[in-house]
Amino acid sequence: MNDQYKPEDRQQPPDGNSHYFHQQQISGYGAPPPAVKRERKHFWPVFLAVLVTAAVTFVLTAGFGILFFGDSMKDGNKGPVQTGENTLTLTFTDETGLKEALDKFSDVYNLLQDNYYQEFTDAQMIEKMMEGLVGQMGSPYTFYLTPEYNETVEDSMKGEYYGIGAIVMRDRDGSYVVNDIIPNSPAEGAGLFVGDIFVSVNGEGVDSFLDVGALAATVRGEEGTSVEIVIYRPSAQQEVSLSMVRKKVANVSVRSRMLDEGIGYIHMTEFSDHAASNFEHALLELMDEGAQHFVIDLRNNGGGYAHECIDMLDVLLPPVTVATVKGRLDGEVYEEEWKTKKAAQVPDDMEFVILLNRYSASASELFSGAMRDLGKAVLVGEQSYGKGVGTQLWGLSDKSAVQITGFEYFLPKGSSVEEVGLIPDYPVVLPDEVETKAPNQRTLEEDTQLQKALELLKPKVK
């Protein structure tokens, strides 16, 4: 993520809902993947890249619902709170242990209402209940976004923003790790390293941030203003304080060049808006320059929009199933296939080496795993992150949103990468002093993973 949560640009469909993989994600923008097996609503895009003190009580209804009551309950008035002509009701379908659970909830709620050292309004209490429910579902990719946070996410997906130009992801231990640096950015100028771990932003400790998006919202700000960051640098085993002046940052998700005679190189930093079309353009341009085979660098790529990933595969593969998705939507279990549709735009004998590391996640893993399963690529580098689930982002009436883990995807041979990742065909670990540099900052002489890719492809050049 570029000083931001890491879904990329997202287009809101007519009903205001969207789906995405979070890497922190498969993350991405645009149209839905193809081949739906049954009719159902789609809310795209999908991402494949990571809560009261007033008198609110409730009673069980015959249908096991909850009616919320206001302060009038204290005065013996049993009338439910009304919104227009509608009673606020929650309906439950599972009766097992329900009354006991609601009784316990009532006890806890009233204890907080009467004894917590700060007082909250009914609306604030309900907001906290909602945030707590979302946060306790058991998936690190399911959480609540405040209206302000959601707006920041939307702004950050536009490709340009005011910040420092660091791409950050949340590691499995909860730390916020720099996994890429945008060229000519304040982060690069200040000497921020890949692998640096955020400690605080403007004096606010990272433990206070819900996720990487909240961190990004704090790092970003008005052009020309300063942000003070403290990071822990594992390579030096010490904390470092950095001051950076925010400026407009344009993130280029696709960087390409000829690597050697007959070998093209495409570096994808994320599967963001227009990533597929930019990838296609770079690929065809390098083929015109004589590229017969390609290295695709997905190191530190935390994911992006699923449809961008599928569209990229559509450039390289004939019509074929690249993933099977299993999940739940609108209370129903579903299964569907994601397929490429068009003829490949590359020769059948073109071969690919894909570079991965432990920060390659979600859409990167779908892309790489599908290419390998279908016999088009070998993988070089380190075991990938292991995010094999996708999320839906549901917009709410007050412009807040809830991100919900809604499905798991399976590669063409049937495997899932969730909490497993991809094991490279050729394991290569970079030296520590090289790993602190972004991929675009490394020379070929020090990038042993890229050297291995060249070693594999050079004999195939005619």
Foldseek 3Di string as FASTA:
>chain_A
DFLAFDAAAEDWPPVRWEAAAAACGQHEYDDDFDWFPDDDDHTDWWRQHFAFAFPWAFDQDPQRKTFTAGNCVVVVDPDGDDDVPDTDIGGDNDPVCSVVVSVVVRVVRNCCNPPPPDHGHHVRHVRGVVQVVQVPPPDRQWGWFDLVLLVLNNVRNPQKFWFFAFDWRQAPVRWIFGFFGAPPGQCVVQPQWGGWTWQDKQPHGPVPASISRSSSVRRGDDAQDKMWTWTQHPVVRGIDITITGIHMDGDDQWDWDAPDQQEIEIEGQERGPCPQVVLLVRVVVVVVVRHQEYEYEQELYRHYTLVSLLSNVLQAAAWDFFKKKWWDDPRDTGITTRIRHHHHNHDPPHAYEYEYAQNRGGSSQSNVLSCVVVPRYFYEEYFYNQRFWMWMWGADPVNMIIIGTTIGMAGPVGHGSHVNGDGGPHYDYAPPVQSRHHPVPDDPVRPVRVVVRCVVCVVVRD
